[in-house]
Amino acid sequence: MSEYAVTDPATGEVVATYPTATDAEIEAALDATAKTGRTWHRTTTVAERAALLRRLGELHTERRDQLADVIVREMGKPRDEALGEVDFCAAIYGYYADNAEAFLADESIDLLEGEGTAVVRRFPIGVLLGIMPWNFPYYQVARFAGPNLVVGNTILLKHAPQCPESAELLALLFLEAGFPQGAYVDIRATNDQVAGIIADPRVAAVSLTGSERAGAAVAEVAGRNLKKCVLELGGSDPFILLSSDDLDATVAAAAAARLDNTGQACNAGKRFIVADELYDAFVEKFTAKLLAAGDGIAPLSSVRAAETLEAQVKAAEEGGATVASMGGRRGAYYPPAVITGLTEDNPAYGQELFGPVATVYRAGSEDEAVAIANDTPFGLGSYVFTTDAAQAQRVADRIDAGMVFVNGVGAEGAELPFGGVKRSGFGRELGRFGMEEFVNKKLIRTVR
């Protein structure tokens, strides 16, 4: 039986099943991407590939309703957020189409001695394997495939087993946009097949967004075969509140940071660290705000995801924490909750809670707030709210994370690098930095 199936989390109904790829189909996909990769970048210009990417973005806009409906059905995303995800993808493709030539332009190097010239010229490295998660089925692909296709790399894309419909639709859009056969190939592979693909000499590198366990497994195989990898493995992002001149607005921002994608975003605010003098008022307002969202909360991606979150919250409560919520799990639905009183020995203290559950901590000083923020195995994103501009920059410098957002949430952009440190992984996506990950920066030194 195939592991690839669309199961509507709102109803539990299995809408459709898709066959897992056979070994022969995997071999054909590898052969196609390798064959195209050998010639495509040599027979096209950056501008020509950028035009294909621009058309792909236009198709996202033209089919936004259809695209949105699919992921609402696959993983329960609220429809307005699904439409927003499609629009963000269109912006990402447009951004790389606009900037690819500048990002990939030759870079001259001033010589310290000797005559002649030295230039760094950017080339693709070959076939890239992308292993993508279920929580942002289109956006995750856009930030990986967009820059790499315009470079001239070719893509094997293995999507999450619960997202085969969106994966198939995307593959058709790439072809409709004009990308050649073998430039972007969707594969419904098993974990064993993925290990073999990474090891295959035709594959140059791999990018994964997923769990720590999956990242460790991929990195192990990639390292054993001397393949570069980029890993984005989630986070438990701190939201530090040190001062506010409008607490209601700050609470609204905090709630938005926690409830984006029903709390199923790697870089969502998850741990709220509040200055002592604001703590009581914040907890009261924040709890009311989150619990009020329960009436219209969307389901989590699956019953299994809701059960996992339920077990984590139960363990936190049994470990001595206080949980404020409006009831229990119903199928894939899990109501928003706020956890206070977490201590370092509580099992939930170092965990990522992937859903609409927030933890709140009291901090007696700036130093204590930073210490709590950094006391996590993760280091993806973070948020700092304060009315003191100097304090904002000081605290931002001290946070161990790949990204810091000051006095704002939802401020990501196609031009801004995305990625983390520590157990959140390594490497960057988006912006100029994302385009640099899988590029051969070839030195050409001419003496005369």
Protein backbone atom coordinates (compact mmCIF):
# COMPACT_ATOMS: atom_id res chain seq x y z
CA MET A 1 0.00 0.00 0.00
CA SER A 2 1.30 3.46 -0.90
CA GLU A 3 2.17 5.87 1.88
CA TYR A 4 1.17 8.78 -0.37
CA ALA A 5 -2.42 9.81 0.26
CA VAL A 6 -4.56 12.92 0.63
CA THR A 7 -6.44 12.72 3.92
CA ASP A 8 -8.63 15.73 4.69
CA PRO A 9 -7.78 16.55 8.32
CA ALA A 10 -11.11 18.34 8.79
CA THR A 11 -13.06 15.13 8.18
CA GLY A 12 -10.53 12.31 8.34
CA GLU A 13 -11.65 11.21 4.86
CA VAL A 14 -9.05 9.68 2.56
CA VAL A 15 -9.67 11.74 -0.57
CA ALA A 16 -7.15 10.09 -2.88
CA THR A 17 -4.20 7.73 -2.86
CA TYR A 18 -1.15 7.84 -5.10
CA PRO A 19 1.28 5.03 -5.94
CA THR A 20 4.78 5.11 -4.51
CA ALA A 21 7.46 5.24 -7.19
CA THR A 22 8.97 2.01 -8.36
CA ASP A 23 12.74 1.63 -8.50
CA ALA A 24 12.50 1.85 -12.28
CA GLU A 25 10.64 5.17 -12.02
CA ILE A 26 13.28 6.51 -9.65
CA GLU A 27 16.01 5.46 -12.07
CA ALA A 28 14.17 7.18 -14.93
CA ALA A 29 13.85 10.39 -12.87
CA LEU A 30 17.56 10.34 -12.01
CA ASP A 31 18.47 9.74 -15.63
CA ALA A 32 16.19 12.54 -16.87
CA THR A 33 17.44 15.17 -14.43
CA ALA A 34 21.07 14.19 -15.01
CA LYS A 35 20.69 14.28 -18.79
CA THR A 36 18.97 17.67 -18.75
CA GLY A 37 21.46 18.98 -16.21
CA ARG A 38 24.39 18.24 -18.51
CA THR A 39 23.12 20.43 -21.33
CA TRP A 40 20.37 22.80 -20.21
CA HIS A 41 22.55 25.46 -18.57
CA ARG A 42 24.90 25.43 -21.57
CA THR A 43 22.17 25.93 -24.15
CA THR A 44 20.21 28.63 -22.31
CA THR A 45 21.07 31.99 -20.80
CA VAL A 46 20.29 33.18 -17.32
CA ALA A 47 17.77 35.60 -18.84
CA GLU A 48 16.00 32.77 -20.66
CA ARG A 49 15.75 30.67 -17.50
CA ALA A 50 14.58 33.73 -15.58
CA ALA A 51 11.77 34.18 -18.11
CA LEU A 52 10.58 30.63 -17.40
CA LEU A 53 10.61 31.36 -13.70
CA ARG A 54 8.62 34.55 -14.24
CA ARG A 55 6.02 32.58 -16.18
CA LEU A 56 5.83 30.06 -13.33
CA GLY A 57 5.05 32.89 -10.93
CA GLU A 58 2.34 34.17 -13.27
CA LEU A 59 0.78 30.71 -13.38
CA HIS A 60 0.65 30.68 -9.59
CA THR A 61 -1.33 33.90 -9.72
CA GLU A 62 -3.62 32.64 -12.46
CA ARG A 63 -4.32 29.36 -10.61
CA ARG A 64 -4.25 30.71 -7.07
CA ASP A 65 -7.74 29.50 -6.16
CA GLN A 66 -7.10 25.99 -7.44
CA LEU A 67 -3.72 25.83 -5.73
CA ALA A 68 -5.16 27.09 -2.45
CA ASP A 69 -8.05 24.63 -2.46
CA VAL A 70 -5.63 21.71 -2.80
CA ILE A 71 -3.58 22.49 0.29
CA VAL A 72 -6.66 23.30 2.37
CA ARG A 73 -7.74 19.75 1.59
CA GLU A 74 -4.30 18.18 2.09
CA MET A 75 -3.17 19.71 5.36
CA GLY A 76 -5.99 21.85 6.69
CA LYS A 77 -4.46 25.27 6.04
CA PRO A 78 -6.93 28.15 6.54
CA ARG A 79 -7.96 29.25 3.05
CA ASP A 80 -6.90 32.88 3.39
CA GLU A 81 -3.46 31.69 4.48
CA ALA A 82 -3.39 29.21 1.59
CA LEU A 83 -4.04 32.06 -0.84
CA GLY A 84 -1.33 34.09 0.88
CA GLU A 85 1.13 31.22 0.47
CA VAL A 86 0.44 31.04 -3.27
CA ASP A 87 0.92 34.79 -3.58
CA PHE A 88 4.22 34.62 -1.68
CA CYS A 89 5.43 31.93 -4.08
CA ALA A 90 4.60 34.15 -7.04
CA ALA A 91 6.61 36.94 -5.39
CA ILE A 92 9.59 34.61 -4.83
CA TYR A 93 9.65 33.47 -8.45
CA GLY A 94 9.34 37.07 -9.61
CA TYR A 95 12.13 38.18 -7.29
CA TYR A 96 14.60 35.67 -8.67
CA ALA A 97 13.50 36.38 -12.23
CA ASP A 98 14.20 40.07 -11.63
CA ASN A 99 17.55 39.62 -9.89
CA ALA A 100 19.10 36.45 -11.27
CA GLU A 101 21.36 38.13 -13.81
CA ALA A 102 22.77 40.51 -11.20
CA PHE A 103 23.23 37.76 -8.60
CA LEU A 104 24.98 35.48 -11.10
CA ALA A 105 27.13 38.13 -12.76
CA ASP A 106 30.88 37.60 -13.03
CA GLU A 107 32.79 38.95 -10.04
CA SER A 108 36.24 40.40 -10.65
CA ILE A 109 38.97 40.09 -8.02
CA ASP A 110 41.67 42.71 -7.57
CA LEU A 111 45.05 40.99 -7.70
CA LEU A 112 47.55 41.58 -4.91
CA GLU A 113 50.44 40.89 -7.26
CA GLY A 114 51.10 39.78 -10.81
CA GLU A 115 49.49 40.76 -14.08
CA GLY A 116 46.31 39.67 -15.79
CA THR A 117 42.85 39.13 -14.40
CA ALA A 118 40.92 36.97 -11.98
CA VAL A 119 37.19 36.45 -12.11
CA VAL A 120 34.70 34.26 -10.25
CA ARG A 121 32.05 32.91 -12.58
CA ARG A 122 29.01 31.08 -11.20
CA PHE A 123 27.89 27.73 -12.60
CA PRO A 124 25.34 25.10 -11.54
CA ILE A 125 26.58 22.01 -9.74
CA GLY A 126 24.10 19.50 -11.16
CA VAL A 127 21.12 17.53 -9.90
CA LEU A 128 19.70 18.62 -6.54
CA LEU A 129 17.39 16.53 -4.37
CA GLY A 130 14.81 18.52 -2.42
CA ILE A 131 12.98 16.86 0.48
CA MET A 132 10.07 19.07 1.45
CA PRO A 133 7.57 19.06 4.37
CA TRP A 134 3.80 19.32 4.49
CA ASN A 135 3.27 22.61 6.34
CA PHE A 136 3.95 24.96 3.40
CA PRO A 137 3.59 22.73 0.33
CA TYR A 138 4.19 25.48 -2.25
CA TYR A 139 6.37 27.98 -0.40
CA GLN A 140 8.97 25.38 0.58
CA VAL A 141 9.34 24.37 -3.05
CA ALA A 142 9.51 27.96 -4.28
CA ARG A 143 12.36 28.99 -2.02
CA PHE A 144 14.37 25.87 -2.95
CA ALA A 145 13.57 25.33 -6.63
CA GLY A 146 13.26 28.96 -7.77
CA PRO A 147 16.86 30.13 -7.34
CA ASN A 148 18.38 26.77 -8.23
CA LEU A 149 16.54 26.38 -11.52
CA VAL A 150 17.54 29.84 -12.68
CA VAL A 151 21.15 28.96 -11.83
CA GLY A 152 20.78 25.97 -14.15
CA ASN A 153 20.66 23.15 -11.62
CA THR A 154 18.00 20.49 -12.13
CA ILE A 155 15.62 19.34 -9.41
CA LEU A 156 14.36 16.06 -8.02
CA LEU A 157 11.55 16.95 -5.61
CA LYS A 158 10.36 14.53 -2.94
CA HIS A 159 7.37 16.00 -1.17
CA ALA A 160 5.70 14.91 2.06
CA PRO A 161 3.55 11.77 1.70
CA GLN A 162 0.41 13.68 2.66
CA CYS A 163 0.89 16.25 -0.13
CA PRO A 164 0.90 14.25 -3.38
CA GLU A 165 -1.85 16.29 -5.03
CA SER A 166 -0.11 19.64 -4.62
CA ALA A 167 3.19 18.03 -5.63
CA GLU A 168 1.68 16.68 -8.84
CA LEU A 169 0.03 20.02 -9.61
CA LEU A 170 3.32 21.85 -9.14
CA ALA A 171 5.15 19.48 -11.48
CA LEU A 172 2.56 20.21 -14.17
CA LEU A 173 2.93 23.96 -13.66
CA PHE A 174 6.70 23.77 -14.16
CA LEU A 175 6.14 22.03 -17.49
CA GLU A 176 3.42 24.49 -18.50
CA ALA A 177 5.75 27.38 -17.71
CA GLY A 178 8.16 25.98 -20.30
CA PHE A 179 10.80 24.21 -18.23
CA PRO A 180 12.19 21.26 -20.20
CA GLN A 181 11.53 17.66 -19.31
CA GLY A 182 14.04 16.71 -16.61
CA ALA A 183 14.49 20.21 -15.18
CA TYR A 184 12.00 19.59 -12.37
CA VAL A 185 10.80 16.07 -11.59
CA ASP A 186 8.47 15.08 -8.75
CA ILE A 187 9.14 11.69 -7.15
CA ARG A 188 7.01 9.78 -4.63
CA ALA A 189 9.92 7.97 -3.06
CA THR A 190 10.23 5.87 0.09
CA ASN A 191 12.84 6.65 2.74
CA ASP A 192 14.98 3.76 1.52
CA GLN A 193 14.80 5.06 -2.02
CA VAL A 194 15.73 8.55 -0.82
CA ALA A 195 18.90 7.20 0.80
CA GLY A 196 19.84 5.59 -2.49
CA ILE A 197 19.13 8.79 -4.41
CA ILE A 198 21.39 10.83 -2.13
CA ALA A 199 24.18 8.28 -2.60
CA ASP A 200 23.77 8.18 -6.37
CA PRO A 201 26.74 9.87 -8.10
CA ARG A 202 24.38 11.73 -10.44
CA VAL A 203 23.06 13.76 -7.48
CA ALA A 204 25.24 16.68 -6.44
CA ALA A 205 23.54 17.91 -3.25
CA VAL A 206 20.43 17.76 -1.11
CA SER A 207 18.19 20.23 0.71
CA LEU A 208 15.77 19.16 3.43
CA THR A 209 13.20 20.96 5.51
CA GLY A 210 11.85 18.72 8.24
CA SER A 211 12.50 17.18 11.61
CA GLU A 212 15.79 16.82 13.47
CA ARG A 213 15.60 13.07 13.00
CA ALA A 214 15.12 13.37 9.25
CA GLY A 215 17.87 15.98 9.03
CA ALA A 216 20.33 13.78 10.88
CA ALA A 217 19.54 10.84 8.61
CA VAL A 218 19.96 12.89 5.44
CA ALA A 219 23.14 14.56 6.65
CA GLU A 220 24.63 11.17 7.53
CA VAL A 221 24.07 9.77 4.04
CA ALA A 222 25.14 13.02 2.37
CA GLY A 223 28.31 13.24 4.43
CA ARG A 224 29.21 9.63 3.75
CA ASN A 225 28.94 10.39 0.03
CA LEU A 226 30.62 13.82 0.17
CA LYS A 227 27.46 15.70 -0.80
CA LYS A 228 26.67 19.18 0.39
CA CYS A 229 23.34 19.63 2.16
CA VAL A 230 21.18 22.49 3.43
CA LEU A 231 19.00 21.66 6.44
CA GLU A 232 16.13 23.60 8.00
CA LEU A 233 14.98 21.58 10.99
CA GLY A 234 12.49 23.67 12.89
CA GLY A 235 12.75 25.78 15.97
CA SER A 236 11.36 26.93 19.27
CA ASP A 237 11.56 30.63 18.56
CA PRO A 238 11.63 33.08 21.47
CA PHE A 239 9.40 36.16 21.49
CA ILE A 240 11.02 38.58 23.95
CA LEU A 241 8.88 41.42 25.30
CA LEU A 242 10.87 43.97 27.29
CA SER A 243 8.69 47.09 27.00
CA SER A 244 5.64 48.31 25.10
CA ASP A 245 3.78 51.56 24.58
CA ASP A 246 0.71 49.65 23.33
CA LEU A 247 0.33 46.31 25.06
CA ASP A 248 -2.84 45.39 23.16
CA ALA A 249 -1.00 45.78 19.85
CA THR A 250 1.93 43.77 21.16
CA VAL A 251 -0.40 41.01 22.34
CA ALA A 252 -2.02 40.95 18.89
CA ALA A 253 1.42 40.58 17.31
CA ALA A 254 2.28 37.79 19.76
CA ALA A 255 -0.94 35.94 18.96
CA ALA A 256 -0.28 36.29 15.23
CA ALA A 257 3.25 34.96 15.73
CA ARG A 258 1.89 31.89 17.51
CA LEU A 259 -1.17 31.13 15.38
CA ASP A 260 0.27 31.46 11.88
CA ASN A 261 -0.54 28.27 9.96
CA THR A 262 -2.41 27.06 13.07
CA GLY A 263 0.91 27.16 14.95
CA GLN A 264 2.58 24.83 12.46
CA ALA A 265 5.40 27.07 11.28
CA CYS A 266 9.04 26.38 12.06
CA ASN A 267 9.75 30.06 12.70
CA ALA A 268 6.57 30.85 14.62
CA GLY A 269 6.91 32.52 17.99
CA LYS A 270 6.59 29.66 20.46
CA ARG A 271 8.24 30.75 23.75
CA PHE A 272 7.09 34.13 25.06
CA ILE A 273 9.58 35.71 27.46
CA VAL A 274 8.11 38.74 29.19
CA ALA A 275 9.62 41.40 31.44
CA ASP A 276 8.46 41.06 35.03
CA GLU A 277 6.53 44.35 35.11
CA LEU A 278 4.49 43.37 32.02
CA TYR A 279 4.12 39.67 32.74
CA ASP A 280 0.76 39.52 34.56
CA ALA A 281 -1.02 41.88 32.18
CA PHE A 282 0.48 40.15 29.13
CA VAL A 283 -0.50 36.66 30.29
CA GLU A 284 -4.07 37.79 30.96
CA LYS A 285 -4.52 39.51 27.59
CA PHE A 286 -2.53 36.95 25.61
CA THR A 287 -4.42 33.99 27.07
CA ALA A 288 -7.75 35.64 26.31
CA LYS A 289 -6.63 36.41 22.75
CA LEU A 290 -5.40 32.89 22.02
CA LEU A 291 -8.32 31.09 23.60
CA ALA A 292 -10.80 33.29 21.73
CA ALA A 293 -9.28 32.06 18.46
CA GLY A 294 -10.37 28.54 19.34
CA ASP A 295 -13.86 29.05 17.93
CA GLY A 296 -12.54 29.32 14.40
CA ILE A 297 -9.27 27.44 14.63
CA ALA A 298 -8.40 25.21 11.69
CA PRO A 299 -7.46 21.56 12.17
CA LEU A 300 -3.84 20.54 12.47
CA SER A 301 -2.35 18.71 9.52
CA SER A 302 -3.44 15.29 10.76
CA VAL A 303 -4.87 13.40 13.71
CA ARG A 304 -1.37 12.14 14.41
CA ALA A 305 -0.04 15.70 14.68
CA ALA A 306 -2.84 16.61 17.10
CA GLU A 307 -2.19 13.50 19.18
CA THR A 308 1.51 14.36 19.43
CA LEU A 309 0.73 17.88 20.62
CA GLU A 310 -1.86 16.56 23.06
CA ALA A 311 0.72 14.22 24.60
CA GLN A 312 3.26 17.03 24.94
CA VAL A 313 0.79 19.34 26.68
CA LYS A 314 -0.31 16.54 29.02
CA ALA A 315 3.31 15.81 29.92
CA ALA A 316 3.94 19.50 30.58
CA GLU A 317 0.95 19.66 32.93
CA GLU A 318 1.97 16.46 34.71
CA GLY A 319 5.43 18.00 35.13
CA GLY A 320 3.98 20.88 37.16
CA ALA A 321 3.13 23.51 34.53
CA THR A 322 -0.22 25.33 34.38
CA VAL A 323 -2.26 24.95 31.18
CA ALA A 324 -5.04 27.33 30.18
CA SER A 325 -7.23 26.01 27.34
CA MET A 326 -10.83 25.74 26.19
CA GLY A 327 -11.13 21.99 26.01
CA GLY A 328 -9.44 18.98 24.49
CA ARG A 329 -8.55 17.49 21.14
CA ARG A 330 -11.28 16.55 18.65
CA GLY A 331 -9.79 14.48 15.87
CA ALA A 332 -7.21 16.71 14.15
CA TYR A 333 -8.53 19.81 15.93
CA TYR A 334 -6.51 21.01 18.90
CA PRO A 335 -7.63 24.14 20.75
CA PRO A 336 -5.21 26.99 21.52
CA ALA A 337 -3.55 26.81 24.90
CA VAL A 338 -1.15 28.84 27.05
CA ILE A 339 1.35 27.11 29.34
CA THR A 340 2.93 28.93 32.27
CA GLY A 341 5.14 27.79 35.12
CA LEU A 342 7.47 25.67 32.99
CA THR A 343 10.68 24.76 34.76
CA GLU A 344 13.89 23.42 33.27
CA ASP A 345 13.12 19.88 34.41
CA ASN A 346 9.72 19.87 32.68
CA PRO A 347 9.70 17.61 29.59
CA ALA A 348 8.18 20.40 27.47
CA TYR A 349 10.91 22.91 28.34
CA GLY A 350 13.22 22.00 25.46
CA GLN A 351 10.62 20.75 22.99
CA GLU A 352 9.14 22.33 19.91
CA LEU A 353 5.34 22.48 20.27
CA PHE A 354 4.01 22.35 16.71
CA GLY A 355 0.52 23.74 17.02
CA PRO A 356 -1.46 26.57 18.64
CA VAL A 357 0.13 26.19 22.08
CA ALA A 358 2.32 28.91 23.61
CA THR A 359 4.63 28.83 26.60
CA VAL A 360 5.19 32.01 28.63
CA TYR A 361 8.15 32.80 30.89
CA ARG A 362 8.77 35.65 33.34
CA ALA A 363 12.12 37.49 33.05
CA GLY A 364 13.47 39.74 35.79
CA SER A 365 15.99 41.52 33.56
CA GLU A 366 17.28 41.83 30.03
CA ASP A 367 20.06 39.39 30.83
CA GLU A 368 17.61 36.82 32.15
CA ALA A 369 15.38 37.23 29.08
CA VAL A 370 18.32 36.59 26.77
CA ALA A 371 19.43 33.61 28.86
CA ILE A 372 15.96 32.02 28.63
CA ALA A 373 15.79 32.77 24.89
CA ASN A 374 19.11 31.04 24.26
CA ASP A 375 18.37 28.08 26.54
CA THR A 376 17.13 25.87 23.72
CA PRO A 377 18.71 23.37 21.35
CA PHE A 378 17.18 25.32 18.45
CA GLY A 379 18.23 28.56 16.79
CA LEU A 380 16.01 29.42 13.86
CA GLY A 381 14.13 32.71 14.32
CA SER A 382 13.37 35.09 17.17
CA TYR A 383 11.41 38.24 17.99
CA VAL A 384 12.32 41.24 20.15
CA PHE A 385 9.74 43.82 21.21
CA THR A 386 10.91 46.94 23.02
CA THR A 387 10.49 50.70 22.84
CA ASP A 388 14.24 51.17 23.39
CA ALA A 389 16.02 51.13 20.00
CA ALA A 390 19.46 50.63 21.52
CA GLN A 391 18.19 47.74 23.63
CA ALA A 392 16.59 46.15 20.56
CA GLN A 393 19.89 46.06 18.68
CA ARG A 394 21.81 44.94 21.77
CA VAL A 395 19.45 42.04 22.44
CA ALA A 396 19.29 41.10 18.75
CA ASP A 397 23.07 40.75 18.72
CA ARG A 398 22.98 38.46 21.77
CA ILE A 399 20.33 35.99 20.55
CA ASP A 400 21.69 32.72 19.18
CA ALA A 401 19.51 32.42 16.08
CA GLY A 402 19.67 32.73 12.33
CA MET A 403 17.02 35.47 12.23
CA VAL A 404 15.85 38.23 14.56
CA PHE A 405 12.73 40.32 13.90
CA VAL A 406 12.46 43.52 15.92
CA ASN A 407 9.05 44.97 16.77
CA GLY A 408 7.24 43.05 14.04
CA VAL A 409 5.96 39.65 12.96
CA GLY A 410 5.23 38.30 9.51
CA ALA A 411 8.09 40.37 8.15
CA GLU A 412 9.69 37.66 6.02
CA GLY A 413 10.37 38.44 2.37
CA ALA A 414 11.70 36.89 -0.80
CA GLU A 415 14.82 39.04 -0.48
CA LEU A 416 15.56 38.06 3.14
CA PRO A 417 17.73 35.01 3.95
CA PHE A 418 15.98 32.25 5.89
CA GLY A 419 17.81 29.69 8.03
CA GLY A 420 19.14 28.86 11.47
CA VAL A 421 21.93 27.63 13.70
CA LYS A 422 22.34 24.91 16.33
CA ARG A 423 19.85 22.06 15.88
CA SER A 424 17.76 24.20 13.56
CA GLY A 425 20.17 23.24 10.80
CA PHE A 426 22.54 25.10 8.51
CA GLY A 427 22.56 26.90 5.20
CA ARG A 428 20.24 29.60 3.92
CA GLU A 429 17.34 29.92 1.54
CA LEU A 430 15.86 33.01 -0.13
CA GLY A 431 17.59 36.26 -1.04
CA ARG A 432 21.02 36.39 -2.64
CA PHE A 433 22.35 34.07 0.08
CA GLY A 434 19.90 31.33 -0.89
CA MET A 435 21.05 31.44 -4.49
CA GLU A 436 24.68 30.99 -3.39
CA GLU A 437 24.22 27.61 -1.68
CA PHE A 438 24.39 25.28 -4.69
CA VAL A 439 26.65 27.20 -7.04
CA ASN A 440 30.12 26.41 -8.32
CA LYS A 441 31.99 29.67 -7.79
CA LYS A 442 34.62 28.94 -10.36
CA LEU A 443 37.83 30.98 -10.35
CA ILE A 444 39.24 31.85 -13.76
CA ARG A 445 42.73 33.35 -13.46
CA THR A 446 44.26 34.69 -16.65
CA VAL A 447 47.93 35.66 -16.50
CA ARG A 448 48.23 37.16 -19.98
